Amino acid sequence: MLIRISEDLMKWIKLGSSEGEKVLRAIDLLDIGLAVNGDIQVYANNYEAHEERFNHTEKGYSILNALGEDKSICNTILSHHELYDGTGMPRGLKGEEIPIASRIIHLSSVIADGVIDIQSGRLTVSDLISQIKVDRVSQFDPELIPYITNEWIKEFLHK
């Protein structure tokens, strides 16, 4: 689902195919830094580990950089938990300092998680849209938000 959501956002903002391929490659490698710590699921069920999980971006960056991965993909991995207002991790990048690929992946991840919550009954489509609109200034690239509609979210519920 993360890939499909990202592909739609890339299409809407007319991201070039070369850049789009890098976004998709980064999605494939996104959480490689979590594997360093062993069981990825430990983070889903352990509150104390929640904050620590953000260092997986730095670990992933280091691993991929050492393996000679494309620098822009490494930077996308490193920056995918940065927030638009500069309060994210690990470097506190703000706005356009955050690679567009990271901004797309961050928003797509929140939407994908939200769709799962909708399917499980913990959230409604309207709740998800409202949450995204409230967080549009702090977390997300405001230029991506207008594309997020009830109808579009509902498409993912039926795929």
N, C-alpha and C. Protein backbone atom coordinates (compact mmCIF):
# COMPACT_ATOMS: atom_id res chain seq x y z
N MET A 1 0.81 -1.19 0.00
CA MET A 1 0.00 0.00 0.00
C MET A 1 0.86 1.26 0.00
N LEU A 2 1.97 1.23 0.72
CA LEU A 2 2.87 2.39 0.78
C LEU A 2 3.34 2.78 -0.62
N ILE A 3 3.65 1.80 -1.42
CA ILE A 3 4.11 2.08 -2.80
C ILE A 3 2.99 2.72 -3.61
N ARG A 4 1.78 2.17 -3.53
CA ARG A 4 0.66 2.72 -4.32
C ARG A 4 0.35 4.16 -3.91
N ILE A 5 0.35 4.42 -2.63
CA ILE A 5 0.09 5.78 -2.16
C ILE A 5 1.18 6.72 -2.65
N SER A 6 2.42 6.32 -2.51
CA SER A 6 3.55 7.15 -2.96
C SER A 6 3.49 7.38 -4.47
N GLU A 7 3.14 6.35 -5.22
CA GLU A 7 3.04 6.50 -6.68
C GLU A 7 1.98 7.54 -7.05
N ASP A 8 0.85 7.53 -6.36
CA ASP A 8 -0.18 8.53 -6.64
C ASP A 8 0.33 9.94 -6.33
N LEU A 9 0.96 10.11 -5.17
CA LEU A 9 1.49 11.43 -4.82
C LEU A 9 2.53 11.89 -5.84
N MET A 10 3.40 10.99 -6.26
CA MET A 10 4.44 11.35 -7.24
C MET A 10 3.81 11.77 -8.56
N LYS A 11 2.76 11.07 -8.96
CA LYS A 11 2.07 11.39 -10.21
C LYS A 11 1.43 12.78 -10.10
N TRP A 12 0.77 13.05 -8.97
CA TRP A 12 0.07 14.32 -8.80
C TRP A 12 1.02 15.52 -8.80
N ILE A 13 2.20 15.34 -8.22
CA ILE A 13 3.14 16.48 -8.19
C ILE A 13 4.07 16.47 -9.39
N LYS A 14 3.85 15.51 -10.28
CA LYS A 14 4.63 15.39 -11.52
C LYS A 14 6.13 15.21 -11.24
N LEU A 15 6.42 14.32 -10.30
CA LEU A 15 7.81 14.00 -10.00
C LEU A 15 8.38 13.20 -11.17
N GLY A 16 9.55 13.53 -11.63
CA GLY A 16 10.17 12.85 -12.77
C GLY A 16 10.36 11.36 -12.52
N SER A 17 10.45 10.60 -13.60
CA SER A 17 10.54 9.14 -13.48
C SER A 17 11.83 8.70 -12.78
N SER A 18 12.93 9.38 -13.03
CA SER A 18 14.19 9.02 -12.37
C SER A 18 14.08 9.23 -10.87
N GLU A 19 13.52 10.36 -10.48
CA GLU A 19 13.34 10.65 -9.06
C GLU A 19 12.33 9.68 -8.45
N GLY A 20 11.29 9.36 -9.21
CA GLY A 20 10.28 8.41 -8.75
C GLY A 20 10.85 7.02 -8.50
N GLU A 21 11.74 6.60 -9.37
CA GLU A 21 12.39 5.30 -9.18
C GLU A 21 13.21 5.29 -7.89
N LYS A 22 13.82 6.41 -7.57
CA LYS A 22 14.60 6.50 -6.32
C LYS A 22 13.68 6.43 -5.10
N VAL A 23 12.49 7.03 -5.20
CA VAL A 23 11.54 6.95 -4.10
C VAL A 23 11.16 5.48 -3.87
N LEU A 24 10.86 4.77 -4.95
CA LEU A 24 10.47 3.37 -4.83
C LEU A 24 11.61 2.51 -4.30
N ARG A 25 12.82 2.79 -4.71
CA ARG A 25 13.99 2.06 -4.19
C ARG A 25 14.15 2.34 -2.69
N ALA A 26 13.97 3.59 -2.30
CA ALA A 26 14.08 3.94 -0.88
C ALA A 26 13.00 3.23 -0.06
N ILE A 27 11.80 3.11 -0.60
CA ILE A 27 10.74 2.40 0.12
C ILE A 27 11.15 0.95 0.35
N ASP A 28 11.76 0.33 -0.66
CA ASP A 28 12.21 -1.05 -0.50
C ASP A 28 13.24 -1.20 0.63
N LEU A 29 14.03 -0.17 0.84
CA LEU A 29 15.13 -0.24 1.82
C LEU A 29 14.84 0.55 3.10
N LEU A 30 13.67 1.10 3.20
CA LEU A 30 13.31 2.09 4.20
C LEU A 30 13.72 1.74 5.63
N ASP A 31 13.40 0.56 6.06
CA ASP A 31 13.62 0.20 7.47
C ASP A 31 14.73 -0.82 7.66
N ILE A 32 15.69 -0.81 6.76
CA ILE A 32 16.81 -1.75 6.88
C ILE A 32 17.56 -1.56 8.20
N GLY A 33 17.55 -0.34 8.72
CA GLY A 33 18.21 -0.07 10.01
C GLY A 33 17.54 -0.76 11.18
N LEU A 34 16.26 -1.10 11.05
CA LEU A 34 15.58 -1.84 12.11
C LEU A 34 16.10 -3.27 12.21
N ALA A 35 16.50 -3.83 11.08
CA ALA A 35 16.97 -5.22 11.06
C ALA A 35 18.25 -5.39 11.86
N VAL A 36 19.00 -4.32 12.01
CA VAL A 36 20.25 -4.38 12.77
C VAL A 36 19.99 -4.77 14.22
N ASN A 37 18.85 -4.33 14.74
CA ASN A 37 18.50 -4.61 16.13
C ASN A 37 17.79 -5.94 16.31
N GLY A 38 17.64 -6.71 15.28
CA GLY A 38 16.97 -8.00 15.39
C GLY A 38 15.52 -7.93 15.02
N ASP A 39 14.64 -8.32 15.91
CA ASP A 39 13.22 -8.45 15.63
C ASP A 39 12.58 -7.09 15.42
N ILE A 40 12.10 -6.83 14.22
CA ILE A 40 11.45 -5.56 13.90
C ILE A 40 10.20 -5.37 14.74
N GLN A 41 9.48 -6.42 15.05
CA GLN A 41 8.23 -6.31 15.79
C GLN A 41 8.42 -5.81 17.22
N VAL A 42 9.61 -5.88 17.75
CA VAL A 42 9.84 -5.40 19.11
C VAL A 42 9.41 -3.94 19.24
N TYR A 43 9.54 -3.16 18.17
CA TYR A 43 9.21 -1.75 18.21
C TYR A 43 7.71 -1.50 18.22
N ALA A 44 6.98 -2.40 17.62
CA ALA A 44 5.53 -2.24 17.57
C ALA A 44 4.89 -2.49 18.93
N ASN A 45 5.52 -3.27 19.78
CA ASN A 45 4.91 -3.69 21.04
C ASN A 45 5.64 -3.22 22.29
N ASN A 46 6.62 -2.36 22.16
CA ASN A 46 7.44 -1.98 23.29
C ASN A 46 7.56 -0.46 23.34
N TYR A 47 6.86 0.17 24.27
CA TYR A 47 6.84 1.62 24.36
C TYR A 47 8.24 2.19 24.59
N GLU A 48 9.02 1.55 25.44
CA GLU A 48 10.37 2.05 25.74
C GLU A 48 11.23 2.09 24.49
N ALA A 49 11.00 1.16 23.58
CA ALA A 49 11.79 1.11 22.36
C ALA A 49 11.30 2.08 21.30
N HIS A 50 10.14 2.68 21.53
CA HIS A 50 9.54 3.55 20.52
C HIS A 50 10.48 4.69 20.11
N GLU A 51 11.01 5.43 21.07
CA GLU A 51 11.90 6.53 20.74
C GLU A 51 13.20 6.04 20.11
N GLU A 52 13.70 4.93 20.62
CA GLU A 52 14.95 4.38 20.10
C GLU A 52 14.83 3.99 18.63
N ARG A 53 13.62 3.66 18.19
CA ARG A 53 13.45 3.18 16.83
C ARG A 53 13.84 4.23 15.79
N PHE A 54 13.81 5.50 16.18
CA PHE A 54 14.13 6.53 15.22
C PHE A 54 15.60 6.52 14.81
N ASN A 55 16.46 5.90 15.61
CA ASN A 55 17.86 5.82 15.19
C ASN A 55 18.05 4.82 14.06
N HIS A 56 17.00 4.10 13.70
CA HIS A 56 17.13 3.17 12.57
C HIS A 56 17.38 3.92 11.27
N THR A 57 17.01 5.19 11.21
CA THR A 57 17.28 5.95 9.99
C THR A 57 18.78 6.16 9.82
N GLU A 58 19.45 6.45 10.93
CA GLU A 58 20.91 6.63 10.88
C GLU A 58 21.63 5.32 10.59
N LYS A 59 21.15 4.24 11.22
CA LYS A 59 21.76 2.93 10.96
C LYS A 59 21.56 2.52 9.51
N GLY A 60 20.34 2.73 9.00
CA GLY A 60 20.07 2.40 7.61
C GLY A 60 20.93 3.21 6.66
N TYR A 61 21.07 4.49 6.95
CA TYR A 61 21.94 5.36 6.15
C TYR A 61 23.36 4.82 6.13
N SER A 62 23.89 4.49 7.30
CA SER A 62 25.27 4.00 7.40
C SER A 62 25.47 2.70 6.63
N ILE A 63 24.52 1.78 6.77
CA ILE A 63 24.61 0.49 6.08
C ILE A 63 24.61 0.70 4.57
N LEU A 64 23.64 1.45 4.10
CA LEU A 64 23.49 1.62 2.65
C LEU A 64 24.63 2.45 2.07
N ASN A 65 25.09 3.44 2.81
CA ASN A 65 26.23 4.25 2.36
C ASN A 65 27.48 3.37 2.22
N ALA A 66 27.70 2.51 3.21
CA ALA A 66 28.86 1.60 3.18
C ALA A 66 28.78 0.62 2.01
N LEU A 67 27.55 0.28 1.61
CA LEU A 67 27.37 -0.65 0.50
C LEU A 67 27.39 0.06 -0.86
N GLY A 68 27.57 1.38 -0.84
CA GLY A 68 27.68 2.13 -2.09
C GLY A 68 26.35 2.49 -2.73
N GLU A 69 25.29 2.48 -1.95
CA GLU A 69 23.97 2.86 -2.49
C GLU A 69 24.00 4.33 -2.90
N ASP A 70 23.17 4.69 -3.85
CA ASP A 70 23.02 6.05 -4.34
C ASP A 70 22.84 7.02 -3.15
N LYS A 71 23.59 8.11 -3.16
CA LYS A 71 23.57 9.07 -2.05
C LYS A 71 22.18 9.65 -1.80
N SER A 72 21.42 9.91 -2.86
CA SER A 72 20.09 10.49 -2.65
C SER A 72 19.16 9.48 -1.98
N ILE A 73 19.33 8.21 -2.26
CA ILE A 73 18.52 7.17 -1.59
C ILE A 73 18.93 7.07 -0.13
N CYS A 74 20.23 7.12 0.13
CA CYS A 74 20.71 7.12 1.53
C CYS A 74 20.13 8.30 2.30
N ASN A 75 20.13 9.49 1.68
CA ASN A 75 19.60 10.67 2.35
C ASN A 75 18.09 10.58 2.56
N THR A 76 17.40 9.94 1.62
CA THR A 76 15.96 9.73 1.78
C THR A 76 15.69 8.84 2.99
N ILE A 77 16.45 7.76 3.11
CA ILE A 77 16.32 6.84 4.24
C ILE A 77 16.60 7.60 5.55
N LEU A 78 17.66 8.37 5.56
CA LEU A 78 18.05 9.12 6.76
C LEU A 78 16.97 10.13 7.18
N SER A 79 16.27 10.68 6.21
CA SER A 79 15.37 11.82 6.47
C SER A 79 13.89 11.46 6.53
N HIS A 80 13.53 10.19 6.48
CA HIS A 80 12.10 9.88 6.37
C HIS A 80 11.30 10.05 7.67
N HIS A 81 11.95 10.42 8.76
CA HIS A 81 11.24 10.79 9.99
C HIS A 81 11.40 12.27 10.33
N GLU A 82 11.89 13.05 9.38
CA GLU A 82 11.96 14.50 9.56
C GLU A 82 10.55 15.07 9.41
N LEU A 83 10.25 16.13 10.16
CA LEU A 83 8.95 16.78 10.08
C LEU A 83 9.10 18.16 9.47
N TYR A 84 8.08 18.57 8.76
CA TYR A 84 8.16 19.80 7.97
C TYR A 84 8.52 21.03 8.80
N ASP A 85 8.12 21.05 10.07
CA ASP A 85 8.40 22.21 10.92
C ASP A 85 9.78 22.16 11.58
N GLY A 86 10.56 21.11 11.29
CA GLY A 86 11.92 21.02 11.83
C GLY A 86 12.02 20.27 13.14
N THR A 87 10.92 19.70 13.64
CA THR A 87 10.96 19.00 14.92
C THR A 87 11.17 17.50 14.78
N GLY A 88 11.44 17.04 13.57
CA GLY A 88 11.62 15.60 13.36
C GLY A 88 13.03 15.14 13.68
N MET A 89 13.28 13.89 13.33
CA MET A 89 14.57 13.25 13.63
C MET A 89 15.17 12.68 12.36
N PRO A 90 16.45 12.52 12.24
CA PRO A 90 17.46 12.72 13.29
C PRO A 90 18.12 14.09 13.26
N ARG A 91 17.96 14.86 12.17
CA ARG A 91 18.74 16.09 12.03
C ARG A 91 17.95 17.37 12.24
N GLY A 92 16.64 17.27 12.42
CA GLY A 92 15.84 18.46 12.59
C GLY A 92 15.75 19.32 11.34
N LEU A 93 15.78 18.67 10.18
CA LEU A 93 15.64 19.42 8.93
C LEU A 93 14.24 20.03 8.86
N LYS A 94 14.13 21.12 8.11
CA LYS A 94 12.87 21.86 8.05
C LYS A 94 12.50 22.14 6.59
N GLY A 95 11.22 21.99 6.29
CA GLY A 95 10.68 22.38 4.99
C GLY A 95 11.41 21.76 3.82
N GLU A 96 11.85 22.62 2.92
CA GLU A 96 12.51 22.18 1.69
C GLU A 96 13.89 21.55 1.93
N GLU A 97 14.42 21.68 3.14
CA GLU A 97 15.68 20.99 3.47
C GLU A 97 15.50 19.48 3.43
N ILE A 98 14.27 19.03 3.69
CA ILE A 98 13.96 17.60 3.69
C ILE A 98 13.80 17.16 2.24
N PRO A 99 14.49 16.10 1.82
CA PRO A 99 14.34 15.65 0.43
C PRO A 99 12.87 15.37 0.11
N ILE A 100 12.45 15.74 -1.10
CA ILE A 100 11.06 15.52 -1.51
C ILE A 100 10.68 14.05 -1.37
N ALA A 101 11.61 13.16 -1.66
CA ALA A 101 11.32 11.72 -1.53
C ALA A 101 10.96 11.37 -0.09
N SER A 102 11.66 11.95 0.87
CA SER A 102 11.37 11.70 2.29
C SER A 102 10.02 12.28 2.68
N ARG A 103 9.70 13.46 2.13
CA ARG A 103 8.41 14.08 2.44
C ARG A 103 7.25 13.22 1.89
N ILE A 104 7.44 12.68 0.71
CA ILE A 104 6.42 11.81 0.11
C ILE A 104 6.27 10.54 0.93
N ILE A 105 7.38 9.93 1.29
CA ILE A 105 7.34 8.67 2.04
C ILE A 105 6.73 8.89 3.43
N HIS A 106 7.07 9.97 4.08
CA HIS A 106 6.51 10.24 5.41
C HIS A 106 4.99 10.34 5.35
N LEU A 107 4.48 11.16 4.45
CA LEU A 107 3.03 11.32 4.32
C LEU A 107 2.38 10.01 3.90
N SER A 108 2.98 9.30 2.96
CA SER A 108 2.44 8.02 2.51
C SER A 108 2.38 7.00 3.64
N SER A 109 3.38 7.00 4.49
CA SER A 109 3.41 6.07 5.64
C SER A 109 2.27 6.36 6.61
N VAL A 110 2.05 7.63 6.88
CA VAL A 110 0.96 8.01 7.79
C VAL A 110 -0.39 7.60 7.19
N ILE A 111 -0.55 7.81 5.90
CA ILE A 111 -1.80 7.43 5.24
C ILE A 111 -1.98 5.91 5.25
N ALA A 112 -0.91 5.18 4.93
CA ALA A 112 -1.00 3.71 4.93
C ALA A 112 -1.36 3.18 6.31
N ASP A 113 -0.73 3.72 7.35
CA ASP A 113 -1.06 3.32 8.71
C ASP A 113 -2.51 3.68 9.04
N GLY A 114 -2.95 4.85 8.57
CA GLY A 114 -4.32 5.27 8.80
C GLY A 114 -5.33 4.36 8.12
N VAL A 115 -5.03 3.93 6.91
CA VAL A 115 -5.94 3.02 6.20
C VAL A 115 -6.06 1.70 6.97
N ILE A 116 -4.96 1.22 7.51
CA ILE A 116 -5.01 0.00 8.32
C ILE A 116 -5.88 0.22 9.56
N ASP A 117 -5.74 1.39 10.19
CA ASP A 117 -6.58 1.71 11.35
C ASP A 117 -8.05 1.83 10.98
N ILE A 118 -8.34 2.35 9.79
CA ILE A 118 -9.73 2.42 9.31
C ILE A 118 -10.29 1.02 9.12
N GLN A 119 -9.50 0.17 8.49
CA GLN A 119 -9.94 -1.21 8.23
C GLN A 119 -10.20 -1.97 9.52
N SER A 120 -9.46 -1.64 10.57
CA SER A 120 -9.64 -2.34 11.84
C SER A 120 -10.70 -1.68 12.73
N GLY A 121 -11.26 -0.55 12.27
CA GLY A 121 -12.31 0.12 13.02
C GLY A 121 -11.82 1.11 14.07
N ARG A 122 -10.53 1.36 14.14
CA ARG A 122 -9.99 2.29 15.14
C ARG A 122 -10.07 3.75 14.69
N LEU A 123 -10.36 3.97 13.42
CA LEU A 123 -10.33 5.31 12.86
C LEU A 123 -11.35 5.36 11.72
N THR A 124 -11.87 6.55 11.44
CA THR A 124 -12.73 6.72 10.26
C THR A 124 -11.94 7.48 9.20
N VAL A 125 -12.44 7.46 7.98
CA VAL A 125 -11.80 8.20 6.89
C VAL A 125 -11.75 9.68 7.25
N SER A 126 -12.85 10.19 7.76
CA SER A 126 -12.91 11.61 8.15
C SER A 126 -11.89 11.94 9.23
N ASP A 127 -11.73 11.03 10.20
CA ASP A 127 -10.72 11.24 11.25
C ASP A 127 -9.32 11.33 10.67
N LEU A 128 -9.01 10.43 9.73
CA LEU A 128 -7.69 10.43 9.11
C LEU A 128 -7.45 11.74 8.34
N ILE A 129 -8.42 12.14 7.54
CA ILE A 129 -8.29 13.39 6.78
C ILE A 129 -8.11 14.57 7.73
N SER A 130 -8.89 14.61 8.79
CA SER A 130 -8.79 15.70 9.77
C SER A 130 -7.41 15.73 10.43
N GLN A 131 -6.92 14.56 10.80
CA GLN A 131 -5.60 14.47 11.43
C GLN A 131 -4.52 15.00 10.49
N ILE A 132 -4.59 14.61 9.23
CA ILE A 132 -3.60 15.07 8.24
C ILE A 132 -3.69 16.58 8.05
N LYS A 133 -4.90 17.10 7.99
CA LYS A 133 -5.08 18.54 7.79
C LYS A 133 -4.58 19.33 9.00
N VAL A 134 -4.80 18.81 10.21
CA VAL A 134 -4.30 19.47 11.41
C VAL A 134 -2.76 19.47 11.41
N ASP A 135 -2.18 18.36 11.00
CA ASP A 135 -0.72 18.21 11.03
C ASP A 135 -0.03 18.74 9.77
N ARG A 136 -0.78 19.32 8.85
CA ARG A 136 -0.19 19.71 7.56
C ARG A 136 0.90 20.75 7.70
N VAL A 137 0.80 21.59 8.71
CA VAL A 137 1.81 22.64 8.89
C VAL A 137 3.02 22.10 9.62
N SER A 138 2.81 21.22 10.58
CA SER A 138 3.93 20.75 11.39
C SER A 138 4.63 19.54 10.79
N GLN A 139 3.88 18.54 10.35
CA GLN A 139 4.50 17.30 9.91
C GLN A 139 4.76 17.20 8.42
N PHE A 140 3.82 17.71 7.61
CA PHE A 140 3.81 17.37 6.19
C PHE A 140 4.08 18.57 5.30
N ASP A 141 4.56 18.26 4.11
CA ASP A 141 4.72 19.26 3.07
C ASP A 141 3.33 19.75 2.68
N PRO A 142 3.00 21.02 2.94
CA PRO A 142 1.65 21.51 2.68
C PRO A 142 1.24 21.42 1.21
N GLU A 143 2.20 21.34 0.31
CA GLU A 143 1.87 21.23 -1.11
C GLU A 143 1.34 19.85 -1.47
N LEU A 144 1.58 18.85 -0.63
CA LEU A 144 1.07 17.50 -0.90
C LEU A 144 -0.35 17.30 -0.36
N ILE A 145 -0.76 18.10 0.60
CA ILE A 145 -2.03 17.88 1.32
C ILE A 145 -3.27 18.03 0.44
N PRO A 146 -3.33 18.98 -0.48
CA PRO A 146 -4.57 19.13 -1.25
C PRO A 146 -4.99 17.88 -2.03
N TYR A 147 -4.08 16.99 -2.27
CA TYR A 147 -4.39 15.77 -3.02
C TYR A 147 -5.07 14.70 -2.15
N ILE A 148 -5.03 14.89 -0.85
CA ILE A 148 -5.56 13.88 0.07
C ILE A 148 -7.05 14.15 0.28
N THR A 149 -7.89 13.29 -0.29
CA THR A 149 -9.34 13.47 -0.19
C THR A 149 -10.00 12.21 0.36
N ASN A 150 -11.22 12.36 0.83
CA ASN A 150 -11.99 11.20 1.31
C ASN A 150 -12.10 10.14 0.22
N GLU A 151 -12.41 10.58 -0.99
CA GLU A 151 -12.61 9.64 -2.10
C GLU A 151 -11.33 8.84 -2.39
N TRP A 152 -10.21 9.54 -2.35
CA TRP A 152 -8.94 8.87 -2.65
C TRP A 152 -8.60 7.85 -1.57
N ILE A 153 -8.80 8.22 -0.29
CA ILE A 153 -8.55 7.29 0.81
C ILE A 153 -9.46 6.07 0.66
N LYS A 154 -10.72 6.30 0.34
CA LYS A 154 -11.67 5.19 0.20
C LYS A 154 -11.26 4.22 -0.90
N GLU A 155 -10.55 4.70 -1.93
CA GLU A 155 -10.05 3.81 -2.98
C GLU A 155 -9.13 2.73 -2.39
N PHE A 156 -8.33 3.09 -1.42
CA PHE A 156 -7.41 2.13 -0.81
C PHE A 156 -8.11 1.13 0.09
N LEU A 157 -9.30 1.49 0.54
CA LEU A 157 -10.07 0.56 1.36
C LEU A 157 -10.67 -0.55 0.52
N HIS A 158 -10.79 -0.31 -0.78
CA HIS A 158 -11.43 -1.28 -1.66
C HIS A 158 -10.45 -1.97 -2.59
N LYS A 159 -9.16 -1.78 -2.38
CA LYS A 159 -8.16 -2.43 -3.23
C LYS A 159 -7.67 -3.71 -2.60
